[in-house]
Amino acid sequence: MKLEADFAGARVEPSPNHGERKGCDAPDMIILHYTGMPDHGQALSWLKNIQSEVSSHYFVWPDGRIVQLVPESRRAWHAGKSIWAGETDINSRSIGIEIANAGHPGGLPDYSSEQIEAVIRLCQDCIARWRIRPERVLAHSDVAPRRKVDPGERFPWRELHRQGVGHWVEPSPIRSGRFFQKGESGQPIEALQGMLALYGYGIEITGEFCEKTEGVVEAFQRHFRPACVDGIADMSTIETLHRLLTELPRFQGTDEV
C-alpha cells in the first residue's frame, strides 16, 4: 500500500503493522504515548518492524520532526488491551501518536518545546479533519490504567488545552481533609467510581476501593492532577473530576453529576 502523508508536515516511513478499522468508519479519539526507550531511532525502528506487532500513526522526534507510519484510515496497533466509555477496541477508534521520550524508565525527562509544538500542530490538524471532541484526546494511561503510565505526569496537558487540544480544568488545590483509599468501601466509593465511569474510565461500580480503583484514580491524577499521583482520592482529586464532568457538553444544564 502506497502511503501518502495525511498531515502535510510529516515524513512518510511506512510500518507494515496495521489493519482495517473495525466497527467504525473514522477515528474519533487521539491517544498520546511516549516511546519509553532511551534510543529514539531504535524506538522508531521497532514501530516499523513486522516482528514487533506494534505501530502508531505518527512518531514525533524531540526536535519536532513528525513521521507518519500508518495511514489515518487504517487501524494502527498502539493501544493494546484498553477501554474508554465502554469501547474496548480503542485501536479501531483512534489515532495513535508516539512521542520520543525515555519515559519513566529513563527518569521521565521533560518534553522539548519543539516537540510539544509539533504535537499540538498535529493534534489540531487531526481534530479539525476528524471532528474529534476535546475529551477524547487522551493518554495511553487513561485507556489502560495500571498497565500503562505514558505519556506521564510531566506531559503538559495544560499547554495543549490552551491551544485547543484536549479537555482540562485547573486542578483544585491539594489540602488536608477527607480522603478515600484502597481498602475502604461504601456509598462514597460507589459515587467516586460512578463519576470516573461517567467521564469514560473503564471501572466497575462496586463500592469497594480495590486495587483496580486505585489504578484508575492514579491514571486520572496523572493526566488531570499531576502534582501528586498516589491513587488516593482526596478532595483535590474529587473536586477536579467533578468540575471536568460539569464542563462536558452532555452534562451542562443537567443535574446528572
Protein backbone atom coordinates (compact mmCIF):
# COMPACT_ATOMS: atom_id res chain seq x y z
CA MET A 1 0.00 0.00 0.00
CA LYS A 2 1.40 3.38 -1.01
CA LEU A 3 1.33 5.77 1.94
CA GLU A 4 0.86 9.48 1.43
CA ALA A 5 1.02 11.79 4.41
CA ASP A 6 -2.32 12.78 5.95
CA PHE A 7 -0.54 15.58 7.83
CA ALA A 8 1.29 17.95 5.49
CA GLY A 9 4.34 18.29 7.71
CA ALA A 10 5.02 14.57 8.11
CA ARG A 11 7.77 12.45 6.56
CA VAL A 12 6.46 9.05 5.43
CA GLU A 13 8.18 5.93 6.77
CA PRO A 14 5.67 3.08 6.41
CA SER A 15 5.10 0.41 9.01
CA PRO A 16 3.62 -2.96 7.97
CA ASN A 17 1.77 -3.22 11.29
CA HIS A 18 -1.81 -2.15 10.61
CA GLY A 19 -5.20 -3.44 9.50
CA GLU A 20 -8.74 -2.38 8.78
CA ARG A 21 -10.67 -0.36 11.34
CA LYS A 22 -13.45 -2.45 12.89
CA GLY A 23 -16.89 -1.20 13.82
CA CYS A 24 -16.34 2.43 12.84
CA ASP A 25 -15.57 4.30 9.64
CA ALA A 26 -13.46 7.09 11.11
CA PRO A 27 -11.31 7.77 14.18
CA ASP A 28 -12.95 9.75 16.96
CA MET A 29 -10.10 9.65 19.50
CA ILE A 30 -6.42 10.60 19.75
CA ILE A 31 -4.21 8.57 22.08
CA LEU A 32 -0.86 10.04 23.13
CA HIS A 33 2.08 7.82 24.14
CA TYR A 34 5.74 8.11 24.96
CA THR A 35 8.12 5.58 23.42
CA GLY A 36 9.77 4.69 26.75
CA MET A 37 13.11 3.84 25.12
CA PRO A 38 16.44 5.72 25.51
CA ASP A 39 17.32 5.37 21.82
CA HIS A 40 14.71 7.24 19.76
CA GLY A 41 15.91 5.79 16.47
CA GLN A 42 15.58 2.29 17.87
CA ALA A 43 12.06 3.13 19.08
CA LEU A 44 11.08 4.25 15.57
CA SER A 45 12.61 1.14 14.03
CA TRP A 46 10.64 -1.06 16.44
CA LEU A 47 7.38 0.55 15.30
CA LYS A 48 8.31 -0.37 11.72
CA ASN A 49 9.44 -3.92 12.49
CA ILE A 50 6.92 -6.56 11.43
CA GLN A 51 8.05 -8.79 14.29
CA SER A 52 7.13 -6.19 16.92
CA GLU A 53 3.42 -6.24 16.04
CA VAL A 54 3.16 -2.65 17.28
CA SER A 55 2.81 0.64 15.43
CA SER A 56 1.31 4.09 15.63
CA HIS A 57 0.05 6.54 13.06
CA TYR A 58 2.68 9.13 13.95
CA PHE A 59 6.06 9.44 15.66
CA VAL A 60 7.32 12.83 16.92
CA TRP A 61 11.05 13.43 17.37
CA PRO A 62 12.40 15.71 20.15
CA ASP A 63 13.33 18.34 17.55
CA GLY A 64 9.73 18.47 16.28
CA ARG A 65 10.07 16.33 13.17
CA ILE A 66 6.97 14.24 12.51
CA VAL A 67 6.97 10.81 10.87
CA GLN A 68 3.82 9.10 9.61
CA LEU A 69 3.91 5.31 9.81
CA VAL A 70 0.30 4.26 9.18
CA PRO A 71 -2.48 5.98 7.19
CA GLU A 72 -5.13 7.51 9.42
CA SER A 73 -7.74 5.46 7.56
CA ARG A 74 -6.11 2.28 8.88
CA ARG A 75 -6.03 0.65 12.33
CA ALA A 76 -2.58 1.04 13.92
CA TRP A 77 -1.56 -1.25 16.79
CA HIS A 78 -0.71 1.11 19.63
CA ALA A 79 -3.28 0.94 22.44
CA GLY A 80 -3.31 -2.77 23.24
CA LYS A 81 -5.84 -4.01 25.80
CA SER A 82 -7.74 -0.86 26.67
CA ILE A 83 -11.17 0.62 27.32
CA TRP A 84 -12.86 4.02 27.20
CA ALA A 85 -16.54 4.87 27.55
CA GLY A 86 -17.43 1.20 27.15
CA GLU A 87 -15.43 0.77 23.94
CA THR A 88 -12.80 -1.96 24.08
CA ASP A 89 -11.26 -1.72 20.59
CA ILE A 90 -9.51 1.60 21.05
CA ASN A 91 -7.18 0.94 18.11
CA SER A 92 -10.15 0.97 15.72
CA ARG A 93 -11.43 4.28 17.05
CA SER A 94 -8.22 6.24 17.47
CA ILE A 95 -5.19 7.94 16.00
CA GLY A 96 -2.05 6.92 17.89
CA ILE A 97 0.82 9.37 18.36
CA GLU A 98 4.14 8.12 19.78
CA ILE A 99 6.30 10.87 21.29
CA ALA A 100 10.02 10.13 21.52
CA ASN A 101 10.80 10.25 25.24
CA ALA A 102 12.61 7.79 27.51
CA GLY A 103 9.68 7.96 29.92
CA HIS A 104 9.61 6.62 33.47
CA PRO A 105 12.33 4.01 32.77
CA GLY A 106 14.65 6.89 31.81
CA GLY A 107 13.71 9.22 34.68
CA LEU A 108 10.82 10.87 32.82
CA PRO A 109 12.78 13.65 31.08
CA ASP A 110 10.98 16.82 30.07
CA TYR A 111 9.48 17.03 26.60
CA SER A 112 11.15 19.67 24.43
CA SER A 113 9.24 22.79 23.43
CA GLU A 114 9.77 21.97 19.74
CA GLN A 115 8.31 18.52 20.28
CA ILE A 116 5.22 19.79 22.14
CA GLU A 117 4.63 22.46 19.48
CA ALA A 118 4.73 19.72 16.83
CA VAL A 119 2.33 17.50 18.82
CA ILE A 120 -0.07 20.44 19.16
CA ARG A 121 0.00 21.20 15.42
CA LEU A 122 -0.52 17.55 14.57
CA CYS A 123 -3.41 17.15 17.02
CA GLN A 124 -5.05 20.38 15.84
CA ASP A 125 -4.95 19.09 12.28
CA CYS A 126 -6.39 15.67 13.19
CA ILE A 127 -9.08 17.24 15.38
CA ALA A 128 -10.19 19.57 12.59
CA ARG A 129 -10.28 16.87 9.92
CA TRP A 130 -11.98 14.18 12.02
CA ARG A 131 -14.03 16.44 14.35
CA ILE A 132 -12.63 14.85 17.49
CA ARG A 133 -14.12 16.11 20.75
CA PRO A 134 -11.72 17.61 23.34
CA GLU A 135 -12.43 14.96 25.99
CA ARG A 136 -11.43 12.23 23.54
CA VAL A 137 -7.80 13.37 23.34
CA LEU A 138 -6.37 11.02 25.93
CA ALA A 139 -3.30 9.46 27.46
CA HIS A 140 -2.42 5.82 26.96
CA SER A 141 -2.66 5.59 30.75
CA ASP A 142 -6.29 6.79 30.61
CA VAL A 143 -7.42 3.91 28.43
CA ALA A 144 -5.14 1.32 30.06
CA PRO A 145 -4.91 2.16 33.79
CA ARG A 146 -2.33 0.22 35.83
CA ARG A 147 -0.98 -1.38 32.65
CA LYS A 148 0.38 1.85 31.14
CA VAL A 149 1.62 5.16 32.57
CA ASP A 150 2.50 7.11 29.42
CA PRO A 151 2.88 9.89 28.42
CA GLY A 152 3.37 10.55 32.15
CA GLU A 153 2.68 13.20 34.73
CA ARG A 154 5.15 15.65 33.18
CA PHE A 155 3.30 15.80 29.90
CA PRO A 156 1.98 19.41 29.52
CA TRP A 157 -1.77 18.83 29.09
CA ARG A 158 -2.48 22.38 30.27
CA GLU A 159 -0.41 23.77 27.39
CA LEU A 160 -2.20 21.58 24.86
CA HIS A 161 -5.57 22.73 26.17
CA ARG A 162 -4.57 26.38 25.79
CA GLN A 163 -4.06 25.63 22.09
CA GLY A 164 -7.45 23.94 21.72
CA VAL A 165 -6.28 20.35 22.22
CA GLY A 166 -7.87 18.18 24.91
CA HIS A 167 -10.07 18.74 27.95
CA TRP A 168 -8.70 20.42 31.08
CA VAL A 169 -9.63 22.38 34.17
CA GLU A 170 -7.18 23.83 36.66
CA PRO A 171 -6.75 21.19 39.38
CA SER A 172 -8.25 22.02 42.76
CA PRO A 173 -5.54 22.80 45.34
CA ILE A 174 -4.20 19.92 47.40
CA ARG A 175 -5.17 20.40 51.04
CA SER A 176 -5.95 18.40 54.15
CA GLY A 177 -9.36 16.85 54.63
CA ARG A 178 -11.33 13.68 53.97
CA PHE A 179 -9.88 11.19 51.53
CA PHE A 180 -10.59 7.67 50.29
CA GLN A 181 -8.09 4.91 49.64
CA LYS A 182 -7.66 1.21 48.95
CA GLY A 183 -9.50 -1.00 51.41
CA GLU A 184 -12.41 1.34 52.06
CA SER A 185 -15.98 0.70 50.95
CA GLY A 186 -19.41 2.29 50.95
CA GLN A 187 -21.54 4.84 49.14
CA PRO A 188 -18.80 7.50 48.76
CA ILE A 189 -16.62 4.94 46.94
CA GLU A 190 -19.54 3.99 44.72
CA ALA A 191 -20.09 7.68 43.91
CA LEU A 192 -16.40 8.13 43.06
CA GLN A 193 -16.42 5.09 40.78
CA GLY A 194 -19.61 6.36 39.16
CA MET A 195 -18.04 9.74 38.34
CA LEU A 196 -14.92 8.11 36.89
CA ALA A 197 -17.09 5.83 34.75
CA LEU A 198 -19.20 8.79 33.59
CA TYR A 199 -16.06 10.53 32.40
CA GLY A 200 -15.05 7.43 30.44
CA TYR A 201 -12.70 5.37 32.58
CA GLY A 202 -13.15 1.61 32.50
CA ILE A 203 -14.17 0.92 36.09
CA GLU A 204 -16.79 -1.24 37.75
CA ILE A 205 -19.11 0.42 40.27
CA THR A 206 -18.78 -1.91 43.25
CA GLY A 207 -18.48 0.41 46.24
CA GLU A 208 -15.14 -1.26 47.04
CA PHE A 209 -11.92 0.78 46.76
CA CYS A 210 -9.93 -2.09 45.26
CA GLU A 211 -6.57 -2.22 43.51
CA LYS A 212 -8.24 -1.55 40.15
CA THR A 213 -9.97 1.55 41.52
CA GLU A 214 -6.65 2.76 42.91
CA GLY A 215 -5.12 2.32 39.44
CA VAL A 216 -7.88 4.32 37.76
CA VAL A 217 -7.52 7.12 40.34
CA GLU A 218 -3.76 7.16 39.63
CA ALA A 219 -4.44 7.38 35.89
CA PHE A 220 -6.85 10.26 36.44
CA GLN A 221 -4.33 12.09 38.64
CA ARG A 222 -1.50 11.51 36.18
CA HIS A 223 -3.50 13.35 33.50
CA PHE A 224 -5.60 15.88 35.40
CA ARG A 225 -3.94 16.39 38.83
CA PRO A 226 -0.28 15.58 38.20
CA ALA A 227 1.15 17.36 41.25
CA CYS A 228 0.54 14.21 43.32
CA VAL A 229 -0.07 10.80 41.76
CA ASP A 230 -0.73 8.44 44.67
CA GLY A 231 -4.03 6.68 43.93
CA ILE A 232 -5.68 8.29 46.97
CA ALA A 233 -8.93 10.07 46.19
CA ASP A 234 -8.51 13.28 48.18
CA MET A 235 -10.75 16.32 47.87
CA SER A 236 -8.49 17.86 45.21
CA THR A 237 -8.91 14.77 43.03
CA ILE A 238 -12.67 14.50 43.55
CA GLU A 239 -13.33 18.22 43.00
CA THR A 240 -11.22 18.28 39.83
CA LEU A 241 -13.10 15.25 38.48
CA HIS A 242 -16.47 16.83 39.30
CA ARG A 243 -15.55 20.08 37.54
CA LEU A 244 -14.36 18.21 34.45
CA LEU A 245 -17.69 16.37 34.32
CA THR A 246 -19.78 19.52 34.72
CA GLU A 247 -17.94 21.12 31.79
CA LEU A 248 -18.73 18.28 29.40
CA PRO A 249 -21.43 19.35 26.90
CA ARG A 250 -23.54 16.28 27.62
CA PHE A 251 -23.89 17.26 31.29
CA GLN A 252 -24.26 21.03 31.02
CA GLY A 253 -27.73 22.14 32.03
CA THR A 254 -28.48 18.82 33.75
CA ASP A 255 -28.26 17.55 37.32
CA GLU A 256 -26.71 14.20 36.42
CA VAL A 257 -23.35 14.98 38.05
